PDB file of N, CA and C in Angstrom:
ATOM      1  N   MET A   1      -0.944 -11.824   2.725  1.00  0.00           N
ATOM      2  CA  MET A   1       0.011 -10.746   2.471  1.00  0.00           C
ATOM      3  C   MET A   1       0.926 -10.623   3.691  1.00  0.00           C
ATOM      4  N   GLN A   2       2.222 -10.719   3.457  1.00  0.00           N
ATOM      5  CA  GLN A   2       3.195 -10.627   4.540  1.00  0.00           C
ATOM      6  C   GLN A   2       3.361  -9.189   5.003  1.00  0.00           C
ATOM      7  N   LYS A   3       3.807  -9.057   6.247  1.00  0.00           N
ATOM      8  CA  LYS A   3       4.077  -7.737   6.799  1.00  0.00           C
ATOM      9  C   LYS A   3       5.401  -7.220   6.242  1.00  0.00           C
ATOM     10  N   LEU A   4       5.438  -5.912   5.998  1.00  0.00           N
ATOM     11  CA  LEU A   4       6.658  -5.285   5.493  1.00  0.00           C
ATOM     12  C   LEU A   4       7.422  -4.612   6.622  1.00  0.00           C
ATOM     13  N   THR A   5       8.741  -4.563   6.476  1.00  0.00           N
ATOM     14  CA  THR A   5       9.556  -3.801   7.410  1.00  0.00           C
ATOM     15  C   THR A   5       9.382  -2.320   7.082  1.00  0.00           C
ATOM     16  N   ASN A   6       9.835  -1.453   7.982  1.00  0.00           N
ATOM     17  CA  ASN A   6       9.751  -0.010   7.725  1.00  0.00           C
ATOM     18  C   ASN A   6      10.494   0.369   6.446  1.00  0.00           C
ATOM     19  N   LYS A   7      11.661  -0.198   6.232  1.00  0.00           N
ATOM     20  CA  LYS A   7      12.451   0.114   5.032  1.00  0.00           C
ATOM     21  C   LYS A   7      11.741  -0.396   3.784  1.00  0.00           C
ATOM     22  N   GLU A   8      11.144  -1.592   3.865  1.00  0.00           N
ATOM     23  CA  GLU A   8      10.400  -2.123   2.721  1.00  0.00           C
ATOM     24  C   GLU A   8       9.197  -1.232   2.394  1.00  0.00           C
ATOM     25  N   GLU A   9       8.512  -0.745   3.426  1.00  0.00           N
ATOM     26  CA  GLU A   9       7.385   0.164   3.195  1.00  0.00           C
ATOM     27  C   GLU A   9       7.862   1.449   2.521  1.00  0.00           C
ATOM     28  N   GLU A  10       9.006   1.959   2.958  1.00  0.00           N
ATOM     29  CA  GLU A  10       9.563   3.170   2.345  1.00  0.00           C
ATOM     30  C   GLU A  10       9.841   2.938   0.856  1.00  0.00           C
ATOM     31  N   ILE A  11      10.402   1.782   0.530  1.00  0.00           N
ATOM     32  CA  ILE A  11      10.707   1.463  -0.869  1.00  0.00           C
ATOM     33  C   ILE A  11       9.413   1.278  -1.660  1.00  0.00           C
ATOM     34  N   MET A  12       8.411   0.643  -1.063  1.00  0.00           N
ATOM     35  CA  MET A  12       7.122   0.479  -1.749  1.00  0.00           C
ATOM     36  C   MET A  12       6.489   1.837  -2.032  1.00  0.00           C
ATOM     37  N   GLN A  13       6.576   2.771  -1.086  1.00  0.00           N
ATOM     38  CA  GLN A  13       6.032   4.115  -1.312  1.00  0.00           C
ATOM     39  C   GLN A  13       6.677   4.736  -2.563  1.00  0.00           C
ATOM     40  N   ILE A  14       7.971   4.540  -2.699  1.00  0.00           N
ATOM     41  CA  ILE A  14       8.687   5.072  -3.864  1.00  0.00           C
ATOM     42  C   ILE A  14       8.211   4.384  -5.140  1.00  0.00           C
ATOM     43  N   LEU A  15       8.092   3.051  -5.096  1.00  0.00           N
ATOM     44  CA  LEU A  15       7.653   2.322  -6.293  1.00  0.00           C
ATOM     45  C   LEU A  15       6.208   2.673  -6.668  1.00  0.00           C
ATOM     46  N   TRP A  16       5.341   2.858  -5.672  1.00  0.00           N
ATOM     47  CA  TRP A  16       3.970   3.278  -5.981  1.00  0.00           C
ATOM     48  C   TRP A  16       3.987   4.653  -6.650  1.00  0.00           C
ATOM     49  N   LYS A  17       4.857   5.516  -6.183  1.00  0.00           N
ATOM     50  CA  LYS A  17       4.951   6.868  -6.747  1.00  0.00           C
ATOM     51  C   LYS A  17       5.495   6.831  -8.180  1.00  0.00           C
ATOM     52  N   LEU A  18       6.569   6.077  -8.399  1.00  0.00           N
ATOM     53  CA  LEU A  18       7.225   6.043  -9.701  1.00  0.00           C
ATOM     54  C   LEU A  18       6.525   5.116 -10.703  1.00  0.00           C
ATOM     55  N   LYS A  19       5.760   4.157 -10.192  1.00  0.00           N
ATOM     56  CA  LYS A  19       5.037   3.157 -10.991  1.00  0.00           C
ATOM     57  C   LYS A  19       5.951   2.059 -11.545  1.00  0.00           C
ATOM     58  N   LYS A  20       7.133   2.407 -11.995  1.00  0.00           N
ATOM     59  CA  LYS A  20       8.153   1.428 -12.391  1.00  0.00           C
ATOM     60  C   LYS A  20       9.506   2.119 -12.311  1.00  0.00           C
ATOM     61  N   ALA A  21      10.526   1.357 -11.910  1.00  0.00           N
ATOM     62  CA  ALA A  21      11.828   1.997 -11.716  1.00  0.00           C
ATOM     63  C   ALA A  21      12.949   0.970 -11.640  1.00  0.00           C
ATOM     64  N   PHE A  22      14.117   1.421 -12.067  1.00  0.00           N
ATOM     65  CA  PHE A  22      15.338   0.658 -11.855  1.00  0.00           C
ATOM     66  C   PHE A  22      15.846   0.986 -10.450  1.00  0.00           C
ATOM     67  N   VAL A  23      16.721   0.145  -9.914  1.00  0.00           N
ATOM     68  CA  VAL A  23      17.236   0.349  -8.556  1.00  0.00           C
ATOM     69  C   VAL A  23      17.836   1.746  -8.415  1.00  0.00           C
ATOM     70  N   LYS A  24      18.588   2.210  -9.401  1.00  0.00           N
ATOM     71  CA  LYS A  24      19.222   3.539  -9.298  1.00  0.00           C
ATOM     72  C   LYS A  24      18.172   4.652  -9.222  1.00  0.00           C
ATOM     73  N   GLU A  25      17.016   4.471  -9.859  1.00  0.00           N
ATOM     74  CA  GLU A  25      15.943   5.469  -9.792  1.00  0.00           C
ATOM     75  C   GLU A  25      15.287   5.468  -8.412  1.00  0.00           C
ATOM     76  N   VAL A  26      15.150   4.290  -7.820  1.00  0.00           N
ATOM     77  CA  VAL A  26      14.640   4.206  -6.449  1.00  0.00           C
ATOM     78  C   VAL A  26      15.630   4.888  -5.513  1.00  0.00           C
ATOM     79  N   MET A  27      16.901   4.607  -5.694  1.00  0.00           N
ATOM     80  CA  MET A  27      17.965   5.200  -4.866  1.00  0.00           C
ATOM     81  C   MET A  27      17.889   6.725  -4.903  1.00  0.00           C
ATOM     82  N   ALA A  28      17.645   7.285  -6.071  1.00  0.00           N
ATOM     83  CA  ALA A  28      17.601   8.742  -6.222  1.00  0.00           C
ATOM     84  C   ALA A  28      16.449   9.366  -5.441  1.00  0.00           C
ATOM     85  N   GLU A  29      15.417   8.593  -5.135  1.00  0.00           N
ATOM     86  CA  GLU A  29      14.262   9.097  -4.400  1.00  0.00           C
ATOM     87  C   GLU A  29      14.446   9.051  -2.878  1.00  0.00           C
ATOM     88  N   ILE A  30      15.435   8.315  -2.410  1.00  0.00           N
ATOM     89  CA  ILE A  30      15.664   8.178  -0.968  1.00  0.00           C
ATOM     90  C   ILE A  30      16.413   9.412  -0.489  1.00  0.00           C
ATOM     91  N   THR A  31      15.785  10.151   0.420  1.00  0.00           N
ATOM     92  CA  THR A  31      16.359  11.425   0.855  1.00  0.00           C
ATOM     93  C   THR A  31      17.233  11.297   2.098  1.00  0.00           C
ATOM     94  N   GLU A  32      16.938  10.324   2.940  1.00  0.00           N
ATOM     95  CA  GLU A  32      17.718  10.167   4.178  1.00  0.00           C
ATOM     96  C   GLU A  32      18.395   8.807   4.199  1.00  0.00           C
ATOM     97  N   GLU A  33      19.599   8.787   4.702  1.00  0.00           N
ATOM     98  CA  GLU A  33      20.347   7.545   4.902  1.00  0.00           C
ATOM     99  C   GLU A  33      20.218   6.589   3.726  1.00  0.00           C
ATOM    100  N   GLN A  34      20.795   6.979   2.606  1.00  0.00           N
ATOM    101  CA  GLN A  34      20.739   6.108   1.438  1.00  0.00           C
ATOM    102  C   GLN A  34      21.486   4.813   1.723  1.00  0.00           C
ATOM    103  N   PRO A  35      20.833   3.687   1.478  1.00  0.00           N
ATOM    104  CA  PRO A  35      21.538   2.408   1.663  1.00  0.00           C
ATOM    105  C   PRO A  35      22.525   2.190   0.512  1.00  0.00           C
ATOM    106  N   HIS A  36      23.417   1.261   0.692  1.00  0.00           N
ATOM    107  CA  HIS A  36      24.316   0.874  -0.391  1.00  0.00           C
ATOM    108  C   HIS A  36      23.467   0.290  -1.519  1.00  0.00           C
ATOM    109  N   TYR A  37      23.904   0.454  -2.751  1.00  0.00           N
ATOM    110  CA  TYR A  37      23.165  -0.026  -3.919  1.00  0.00           C
ATOM    111  C   TYR A  37      22.782  -1.501  -3.768  1.00  0.00           C
ATOM    112  N   ASN A  38      23.748  -2.344  -3.336  1.00  0.00           N
ATOM    113  CA  ASN A  38      23.481  -3.780  -3.200  1.00  0.00           C
ATOM    114  C   ASN A  38      22.436  -4.052  -2.121  1.00  0.00           C
ATOM    115  N   THR A  39      22.463  -3.268  -1.055  1.00  0.00           N
ATOM    116  CA  THR A  39      21.466  -3.419   0.011  1.00  0.00           C
ATOM    117  C   THR A  39      20.078  -3.089  -0.522  1.00  0.00           C
ATOM    118  N   LEU A  40      19.970  -1.998  -1.251  1.00  0.00           N
ATOM    119  CA  LEU A  40      18.683  -1.604  -1.826  1.00  0.00           C
ATOM    120  C   LEU A  40      18.190  -2.667  -2.808  1.00  0.00           C
ATOM    121  N   SER A  41      19.089  -3.174  -3.620  1.00  0.00           N
ATOM    122  CA  SER A  41      18.737  -4.225  -4.572  1.00  0.00           C
ATOM    123  C   SER A  41      18.193  -5.458  -3.841  1.00  0.00           C
ATOM    124  N   THR A  42      18.810  -5.807  -2.726  1.00  0.00           N
ATOM    125  CA  THR A  42      18.352  -6.946  -1.926  1.00  0.00           C
ATOM    126  C   THR A  42      16.968  -6.683  -1.346  1.00  0.00           C
ATOM    127  N   ILE A  43      16.732  -5.483  -0.845  1.00  0.00           N
ATOM    128  CA  ILE A  43      15.411  -5.124  -0.288  1.00  0.00           C
ATOM    129  C   ILE A  43      14.342  -5.267  -1.375  1.00  0.00           C
ATOM    130  N   ILE A  44      14.641  -4.785  -2.569  1.00  0.00           N
ATOM    131  CA  ILE A  44      13.661  -4.871  -3.663  1.00  0.00           C
ATOM    132  C   ILE A  44      13.422  -6.329  -4.057  1.00  0.00           C
ATOM    133  N   ARG A  45      14.478  -7.127  -4.090  1.00  0.00           N
ATOM    134  CA  ARG A  45      14.299  -8.562  -4.397  1.00  0.00           C
ATOM    135  C   ARG A  45      13.471  -9.245  -3.304  1.00  0.00           C
ATOM    136  N   ASN A  46      13.665  -8.833  -2.046  1.00  0.00           N
ATOM    137  CA  ASN A  46      12.840  -9.388  -0.961  1.00  0.00           C
ATOM    138  C   ASN A  46      11.369  -9.021  -1.157  1.00  0.00           C
ATOM    139  N   LEU A  47      11.122  -7.782  -1.597  1.00  0.00           N
ATOM    140  CA  LEU A  47       9.750  -7.359  -1.886  1.00  0.00           C
ATOM    141  C   LEU A  47       9.153  -8.219  -3.001  1.00  0.00           C
ATOM    142  N   GLU A  48       9.997  -8.591  -3.947  1.00  0.00           N
ATOM    143  CA  GLU A  48       9.536  -9.461  -5.034  1.00  0.00           C
ATOM    144  C   GLU A  48       9.201 -10.852  -4.498  1.00  0.00           C
ATOM    145  N   GLU A  49      10.047 -11.386  -3.621  1.00  0.00           N
ATOM    146  CA  GLU A  49       9.792 -12.698  -3.018  1.00  0.00           C
ATOM    147  C   GLU A  49       8.506 -12.698  -2.194  1.00  0.00           C
ATOM    148  N   LYS A  50       8.201 -11.573  -1.552  1.00  0.00           N
ATOM    149  CA  LYS A  50       6.984 -11.448  -0.747  1.00  0.00           C
ATOM    150  C   LYS A  50       5.737 -11.209  -1.609  1.00  0.00           C
ATOM    151  N   GLY A  51       5.934 -11.009  -2.913  1.00  0.00           N
ATOM    152  CA  GLY A  51       4.812 -10.850  -3.817  1.00  0.00           C
ATOM    153  C   GLY A  51       4.308  -9.425  -3.981  1.00  0.00           C
ATOM    154  N   PHE A  52       5.089  -8.437  -3.557  1.00  0.00           N
ATOM    155  CA  PHE A  52       4.690  -7.036  -3.668  1.00  0.00           C
ATOM    156  C   PHE A  52       5.175  -6.396  -4.967  1.00  0.00           C
ATOM    157  N   VAL A  53       6.226  -6.953  -5.542  1.00  0.00           N
ATOM    158  CA  VAL A  53       6.905  -6.344  -6.678  1.00  0.00           C
ATOM    159  C   VAL A  53       7.198  -7.426  -7.718  1.00  0.00           C
ATOM    160  N   SER A  54       7.226  -7.022  -8.967  1.00  0.00           N
ATOM    161  CA  SER A  54       7.704  -7.886 -10.042  1.00  0.00           C
ATOM    162  C   SER A  54       8.673  -7.061 -10.885  1.00  0.00           C
ATOM    163  N   HIS A  55       9.204  -7.665 -11.957  1.00  0.00           N
ATOM    164  CA  HIS A  55      10.166  -6.919 -12.766  1.00  0.00           C
ATOM    165  C   HIS A  55      10.097  -7.313 -14.233  1.00  0.00           C
ATOM    166  N   ASN A  56      10.605  -6.422 -15.051  1.00  0.00           N
ATOM    167  CA  ASN A  56      10.892  -6.692 -16.451  1.00  0.00           C
ATOM    168  C   ASN A  56      12.406  -6.677 -16.578  1.00  0.00           C
ATOM    169  N   ALA A  57      12.952  -7.692 -17.253  1.00  0.00           N
ATOM    170  CA  ALA A  57      14.401  -7.786 -17.416  1.00  0.00           C
ATOM    171  C   ALA A  57      14.822  -7.131 -18.720  1.00  0.00           C
ATOM    172  N   TYR A  58      15.880  -6.335 -18.626  1.00  0.00           N
ATOM    173  CA  TYR A  58      16.516  -5.723 -19.791  1.00  0.00           C
ATOM    174  C   TYR A  58      17.983  -6.091 -19.717  1.00  0.00           C
ATOM    175  N   GLY A  59      18.339  -7.210 -20.310  1.00  0.00           N
ATOM    176  CA  GLY A  59      19.708  -7.703 -20.174  1.00  0.00           C
ATOM    177  C   GLY A  59      19.947  -8.088 -18.722  1.00  0.00           C
ATOM    178  N   ASN A  60      20.992  -7.507 -18.135  1.00  0.00           N
ATOM    179  CA  ASN A  60      21.325  -7.811 -16.733  1.00  0.00           C
ATOM    180  C   ASN A  60      20.614  -6.897 -15.744  1.00  0.00           C
ATOM    181  N   THR A  61      19.868  -5.902 -16.213  1.00  0.00           N
ATOM    182  CA  THR A  61      19.191  -4.978 -15.301  1.00  0.00           C
ATOM    183  C   THR A  61      17.698  -5.288 -15.251  1.00  0.00           C
ATOM    184  N   HIS A  62      17.118  -4.935 -14.139  1.00  0.00           N
ATOM    185  CA  HIS A  62      15.692  -5.169 -13.937  1.00  0.00           C
ATOM    186  C   HIS A  62      14.987  -3.861 -13.640  1.00  0.00           C
ATOM    187  N   GLN A  63      13.825  -3.700 -14.263  1.00  0.00           N
ATOM    188  CA  GLN A  63      12.953  -2.568 -13.947  1.00  0.00           C
ATOM    189  C   GLN A  63      11.812  -3.134 -13.114  1.00  0.00           C
ATOM    190  N   TYR A  64      11.672  -2.623 -11.889  1.00  0.00           N
ATOM    191  CA  TYR A  64      10.701  -3.150 -10.933  1.00  0.00           C
ATOM    192  C   TYR A  64       9.413  -2.336 -10.953  1.00  0.00           C
ATOM    193  N   PHE A  65       8.323  -3.008 -10.623  1.00  0.00           N
ATOM    194  CA  PHE A  65       7.030  -2.339 -10.534  1.00  0.00           C
ATOM    195  C   PHE A  65       6.178  -3.033  -9.472  1.00  0.00           C
ATOM    196  N   PRO A  66       5.314  -2.276  -8.789  1.00  0.00           N
ATOM    197  CA  PRO A  66       4.471  -2.875  -7.758  1.00  0.00           C
ATOM    198  C   PRO A  66       3.372  -3.743  -8.377  1.00  0.00           C
ATOM    199  N   VAL A  67       3.068  -4.850  -7.720  1.00  0.00           N
ATOM    200  CA  VAL A  67       1.948  -5.689  -8.151  1.00  0.00           C
ATOM    201  C   VAL A  67       0.803  -5.631  -7.139  1.00  0.00           C
ATOM    202  N   ILE A  68       1.065  -5.040  -5.987  1.00  0.00           N
ATOM    203  CA  ILE A  68       0.047  -4.795  -4.968  1.00  0.00           C
ATOM    204  C   ILE A  68      -0.300  -3.314  -5.027  1.00  0.00           C
ATOM    205  N   LYS A  69      -1.583  -3.004  -5.107  1.00  0.00           N
ATOM    206  CA  LYS A  69      -2.003  -1.605  -5.134  1.00  0.00           C
ATOM    207  C   LYS A  69      -1.830  -0.986  -3.759  1.00  0.00           C
ATOM    208  N   MET A  70      -1.468   0.290  -3.742  1.00  0.00           N
ATOM    209  CA  MET A  70      -1.301   1.012  -2.492  1.00  0.00           C
ATOM    210  C   MET A  70      -2.589   0.953  -1.666  1.00  0.00           C
ATOM    211  N   GLU A  71      -3.732   1.088  -2.321  1.00  0.00           N
ATOM    212  CA  GLU A  71      -5.017   1.081  -1.618  1.00  0.00           C
ATOM    213  C   GLU A  71      -5.260  -0.255  -0.909  1.00  0.00           C
ATOM    214  N   ASP A  72      -4.886  -1.358  -1.563  1.00  0.00           N
ATOM    215  CA  ASP A  72      -5.062  -2.683  -0.954  1.00  0.00           C
ATOM    216  C   ASP A  72      -4.161  -2.838   0.270  1.00  0.00           C
ATOM    217  N   TYR A  73      -2.910  -2.386   0.154  1.00  0.00           N
ATOM    218  CA  TYR A  73      -1.994  -2.464   1.292  1.00  0.00           C
ATOM    219  C   TYR A  73      -2.472  -1.564   2.426  1.00  0.00           C
ATOM    220  N   ARG A  74      -2.915  -0.354   2.096  1.00  0.00           N
ATOM    221  CA  ARG A  74      -3.393   0.584   3.113  1.00  0.00           C
ATOM    222  C   ARG A  74      -4.577  -0.009   3.867  1.00  0.00           C
ATOM    223  N   LYS A  75      -5.506  -0.610   3.148  1.00  0.00           N
ATOM    224  CA  LYS A  75      -6.683  -1.212   3.783  1.00  0.00           C
ATOM    225  C   LYS A  75      -6.266  -2.306   4.770  1.00  0.00           C
ATOM    226  N   ARG A  76      -5.354  -3.180   4.326  1.00  0.00           N
ATOM    227  CA  ARG A  76      -4.893  -4.259   5.193  1.00  0.00           C
ATOM    228  C   ARG A  76      -4.143  -3.701   6.407  1.00  0.00           C
ATOM    229  N   PHE A  77      -3.269  -2.715   6.150  1.00  0.00           N
ATOM    230  CA  PHE A  77      -2.484  -2.100   7.211  1.00  0.00           C
ATOM    231  C   PHE A  77      -3.401  -1.453   8.253  1.00  0.00           C
ATOM    232  N   MET A  78      -4.389  -0.697   7.784  1.00  0.00           N
ATOM    233  CA  MET A  78      -5.303  -0.004   8.703  1.00  0.00           C
ATOM    234  C   MET A  78      -6.145  -0.998   9.493  1.00  0.00           C
ATOM    235  N   ASN A  79      -6.644  -2.030   8.828  1.00  0.00           N
ATOM    236  CA  ASN A  79      -7.440  -3.036   9.540  1.00  0.00           C
ATOM    237  C   ASN A  79      -6.613  -3.707  10.631  1.00  0.00           C
ATOM    238  N   THR A  80      -5.377  -4.026  10.322  1.00  0.00           N
ATOM    239  CA  THR A  80      -4.491  -4.648  11.315  1.00  0.00           C
ATOM    240  C   THR A  80      -4.222  -3.685  12.466  1.00  0.00           C
ATOM    241  N   ALA A  81      -3.948  -2.428  12.171  1.00  0.00           N
ATOM    242  CA  ALA A  81      -3.674  -1.433  13.215  1.00  0.00           C
ATOM    243  C   ALA A  81      -4.898  -1.241  14.111  1.00  0.00           C
ATOM    244  N   ILE A  82      -6.076  -1.156  13.519  1.00  0.00           N
ATOM    245  CA  ILE A  82      -7.304  -0.956  14.309  1.00  0.00           C
ATOM    246  C   ILE A  82      -7.568  -2.179  15.180  1.00  0.00           C
ATOM    247  N   ASP A  83      -7.366  -3.375  14.620  1.00  0.00           N
ATOM    248  CA  ASP A  83      -7.552  -4.597  15.410  1.00  0.00           C
ATOM    249  C   ASP A  83      -6.553  -4.659  16.560  1.00  0.00           C
ATOM    250  N   THR A  84      -5.293  -4.319  16.273  1.00  0.00           N
ATOM    251  CA  THR A  84      -4.219  -4.460  17.261  1.00  0.00           C
ATOM    252  C   THR A  84      -4.246  -3.375  18.329  1.00  0.00           C
ATOM    253  N   TYR A  85      -4.420  -2.115  17.913  1.00  0.00           N
ATOM    254  CA  TYR A  85      -4.245  -1.007  18.846  1.00  0.00           C
ATOM    255  C   TYR A  85      -5.544  -0.391  19.358  1.00  0.00           C
ATOM    256  N   PHE A  86      -6.655  -0.687  18.713  1.00  0.00           N
ATOM    257  CA  PHE A  86      -7.922  -0.053  19.104  1.00  0.00           C
ATOM    258  C   PHE A  86      -9.016  -1.073  19.375  1.00  0.00           C
ATOM    259  N   ASN A  87      -8.611  -2.328  19.665  1.00  0.00           N
ATOM    260  CA  ASN A  87      -9.549  -3.368  20.053  1.00  0.00           C
ATOM    261  C   ASN A  87     -10.643  -3.547  18.990  1.00  0.00           C
ATOM    262  N   SER A  88     -10.260  -3.455  17.736  1.00  0.00           N
ATOM    263  CA  SER A  88     -11.168  -3.604  16.582  1.00  0.00           C
ATOM    264  C   SER A  88     -12.292  -2.578  16.567  1.00  0.00           C
ATOM    265  N   SER A  89     -12.070  -1.420  17.197  1.00  0.00           N
ATOM    266  CA  SER A  89     -13.113  -0.401  17.307  1.00  0.00           C
ATOM    267  C   SER A  89     -12.703   0.890  16.596  1.00  0.00           C
ATOM    268  N   TYR A  90     -13.468   1.246  15.561  1.00  0.00           N
ATOM    269  CA  TYR A  90     -13.214   2.512  14.874  1.00  0.00           C
ATOM    270  C   TYR A  90     -13.541   3.679  15.792  1.00  0.00           C
ATOM    271  N   LYS A  91     -14.517   3.494  16.656  1.00  0.00           N
ATOM    272  CA  LYS A  91     -14.859   4.535  17.636  1.00  0.00           C
ATOM    273  C   LYS A  91     -13.655   4.809  18.541  1.00  0.00           C
ATOM    274  N   ASN A  92     -13.007   3.757  19.017  1.00  0.00           N
ATOM    275  CA  ASN A  92     -11.817   3.934  19.855  1.00  0.00           C
ATOM    276  C   ASN A  92     -10.709   4.660  19.088  1.00  0.00           C
ATOM    277  N   MET A  93     -10.569   4.346  17.809  1.00  0.00           N
ATOM    278  CA  MET A  93      -9.535   4.994  17.002  1.00  0.00           C
ATOM    279  C   MET A  93      -9.834   6.491  16.853  1.00  0.00           C
ATOM    280  N   VAL A  94     -11.066   6.835  16.500  1.00  0.00           N
ATOM    281  CA  VAL A  94     -11.424   8.237  16.324  1.00  0.00           C
ATOM    282  C   VAL A  94     -11.299   8.985  17.652  1.00  0.00           C
ATOM    283  N   SER A  95     -11.716   8.349  18.741  1.00  0.00           N
ATOM    284  CA  SER A  95     -11.583   8.964  20.069  1.00  0.00           C
ATOM    285  C   SER A  95     -10.127   9.251  20.398  1.00  0.00           C
ATOM    286  N   PHE A  96      -9.260   8.313  20.060  1.00  0.00           N
ATOM    287  CA  PHE A  96      -7.830   8.499  20.299  1.00  0.00           C
ATOM    288  C   PHE A  96      -7.328   9.748  19.580  1.00  0.00           C
ATOM    289  N   PHE A  97      -7.686   9.894  18.296  1.00  0.00           N
ATOM    290  CA  PHE A  97      -7.213  11.049  17.537  1.00  0.00           C
ATOM    291  C   PHE A  97      -7.829  12.347  18.052  1.00  0.00           C
ATOM    292  N   ALA A  98      -9.055  12.289  18.509  1.00  0.00           N
ATOM    293  CA  ALA A  98      -9.696  13.482  19.075  1.00  0.00           C
ATOM    294  C   ALA A  98      -8.982  13.892  20.370  1.00  0.00           C
ATOM    295  N   GLU A  99      -8.696  12.907  21.226  1.00  0.00           N
ATOM    296  CA  GLU A  99      -8.012  13.203  22.493  1.00  0.00           C
ATOM    297  C   GLU A  99      -6.596  13.726  22.264  1.00  0.00           C
ATOM    298  N   GLU A 100      -5.949  13.241  21.226  1.00  0.00           N
ATOM    299  CA  GLU A 100      -4.589  13.685  20.906  1.00  0.00           C
ATOM    300  C   GLU A 100      -4.596  14.993  20.114  1.00  0.00           C
ATOM    301  N   GLU A 101      -5.792  15.530  19.879  1.00  0.00           N
ATOM    302  CA  GLU A 101      -5.973  16.761  19.107  1.00  0.00           C
ATOM    303  C   GLU A 101      -5.386  16.644  17.702  1.00  0.00           C
ATOM    304  N   LYS A 102      -5.555  15.465  17.111  1.00  0.00           N
ATOM    305  CA  LYS A 102      -5.101  15.217  15.737  1.00  0.00           C
ATOM    306  C   LYS A 102      -6.258  15.362  14.747  1.00  0.00           C
ATOM    307  N   ILE A 103      -7.476  15.505  15.288  1.00  0.00           N
ATOM    308  CA  ILE A 103      -8.647  15.675  14.446  1.00  0.00           C
ATOM    309  C   ILE A 103      -9.539  16.725  15.093  1.00  0.00           C
ATOM    310  N   SER A 104     -10.070  17.618  14.273  1.00  0.00           N
ATOM    311  CA  SER A 104     -10.880  18.715  14.812  1.00  0.00           C
ATOM    312  C   SER A 104     -12.361  18.354  14.784  1.00  0.00           C
ATOM    313  N   ALA A 105     -13.139  19.144  15.508  1.00  0.00           N
ATOM    314  CA  ALA A 105     -14.587  18.963  15.510  1.00  0.00           C
ATOM    315  C   ALA A 105     -15.142  19.159  14.098  1.00  0.00           C
ATOM    316  N   GLU A 106     -14.580  20.108  13.370  1.00  0.00           N
ATOM    317  CA  GLU A 106     -15.035  20.339  11.989  1.00  0.00           C
ATOM    318  C   GLU A 106     -14.764  19.111  11.116  1.00  0.00           C
ATOM    319  N   GLU A 107     -13.603  18.522  11.283  1.00  0.00           N
ATOM    320  CA  GLU A 107     -13.285  17.312  10.512  1.00  0.00           C
ATOM    321  C   GLU A 107     -14.218  16.171  10.902  1.00  0.00           C
ATOM    322  N   LEU A 108     -14.538  16.061  12.185  1.00  0.00           N
ATOM    323  CA  LEU A 108     -15.481  15.029  12.626  1.00  0.00           C
ATOM    324  C   LEU A 108     -16.868  15.252  12.014  1.00  0.00           C
ATOM    325  N   ARG A 109     -17.293  16.517  11.922  1.00  0.00           N
ATOM    326  CA  ARG A 109     -18.578  16.819  11.278  1.00  0.00           C
ATOM    327  C   ARG A 109     -18.551  16.414   9.800  1.00  0.00           C
ATOM    328  N   GLU A 110     -17.425  16.653   9.146  1.00  0.00           N
ATOM    329  CA  GLU A 110     -17.281  16.257   7.734  1.00  0.00           C
ATOM    330  C   GLU A 110     -17.377  14.739   7.593  1.00  0.00           C
ATOM    331  N   ILE A 111     -16.735  14.018   8.499  1.00  0.00           N
ATOM    332  CA  ILE A 111     -16.791  12.553   8.487  1.00  0.00           C
ATOM    333  C   ILE A 111     -18.229  12.086   8.707  1.00  0.00           C
ATOM    334  N   LEU A 112     -18.898  12.695   9.662  1.00  0.00           N
ATOM    335  CA  LEU A 112     -20.290  12.345   9.939  1.00  0.00           C
ATOM    336  C   LEU A 112     -21.161  12.592   8.710  1.00  0.00           C
ATOM    337  N   ALA A 113     -20.939  13.689   8.010  1.00  0.00           N
ATOM    338  CA  ALA A 113     -21.705  13.995   6.791  1.00  0.00           C
ATOM    339  C   ALA A 113     -21.462  12.923   5.724  1.00  0.00           C
ATOM    340  N   ILE A 114     -20.231  12.471   5.588  1.00  0.00           N
ATOM    341  CA  ILE A 114     -19.912  11.409   4.628  1.00  0.00           C
ATOM    342  C   ILE A 114     -20.673  10.136   4.989  1.00  0.00           C
ATOM    343  N   ILE A 115     -20.658   9.781   6.281  1.00  0.00           N
ATOM    344  CA  ILE A 115     -21.360   8.576   6.740  1.00  0.00           C
ATOM    345  C   ILE A 115     -22.854   8.701   6.495  1.00  0.00           C
ATOM    346  N   GLU A 116     -23.413   9.843   6.820  1.00  0.00           N
ATOM    347  CA  GLU A 116     -24.848  10.042   6.640  1.00  0.00           C
ATOM    348  C   GLU A 116     -25.228  10.018   5.165  1.00  0.00           C
ATOM    349  N   ASN A 117     -24.417  10.593   4.287  1.00  0.00           N
ATOM    350  CA  ASN A 117     -24.676  10.556   2.851  1.00  0.00           C
ATOM    351  C   ASN A 117     -24.649   9.139   2.313  1.00  0.00           C
ATOM    352  N   LYS A 118     -23.714   8.340   2.802  1.00  0.00           N
ATOM    353  CA  LYS A 118     -23.633   6.943   2.350  1.00  0.00           C
ATOM    354  C   LYS A 118     -24.851   6.161   2.801  1.00  0.00           C
ATOM    355  N   SER A 119     -25.295   6.373   4.034  1.00  0.00           N
ATOM    356  CA  SER A 119     -26.471   5.626   4.530  1.00  0.00           C
ATOM    357  C   SER A 119     -27.751   6.092   3.850  1.00  0.00           C
ATOM    358  N   ASP A 120     -27.823   7.371   3.414  1.00  0.00           N
ATOM    359  CA  ASP A 120     -28.999   7.880   2.696  1.00  0.00           C
ATOM    360  C   ASP A 120     -29.111   7.237   1.311  1.00  0.00           C
ATOM    361  N   LYS A 121     -27.985   6.862   0.727  1.00  0.00           N
ATOM    362  CA  LYS A 121     -27.972   6.313  -0.627  1.00  0.00           C
ATOM    363  C   LYS A 121     -28.321   4.830  -0.663  1.00  0.00           C
ATOM    364  N   ARG A 122     -28.421   4.205   0.494  1.00  0.00           N
ATOM    365  CA  ARG A 122     -28.716   2.771   0.542  1.00  0.00           C
ATOM    366  C   ARG A 122     -30.176   2.492   0.448  1.00  0.00           C
TER     367      ARG A 122
END
């Protein structure tokens, strides 16, 4: 799976939300700095070339839809981020968020309960 640019990720988020859409429908979902229609069309075609999107043709227009599930992309993205920025350590990642005050002690207790419940079921 190829890496996506920030703009491609933004477009994929829209396609995952809409499930299927024409370029003009994707355009309507972009709230900041709308690209030119042709630029957006090119980005979507690039996503298709990368294997993230496919289309159904209706005459000269195409309705696009994601072929990669958001969950699959998220898993790959997170694994890459943890490997790259946290030395492949989930402990380092959680510590980072705790130090940055992005996660509370209560949330950590909830996470611990989830982990303990999963290990009890094995």
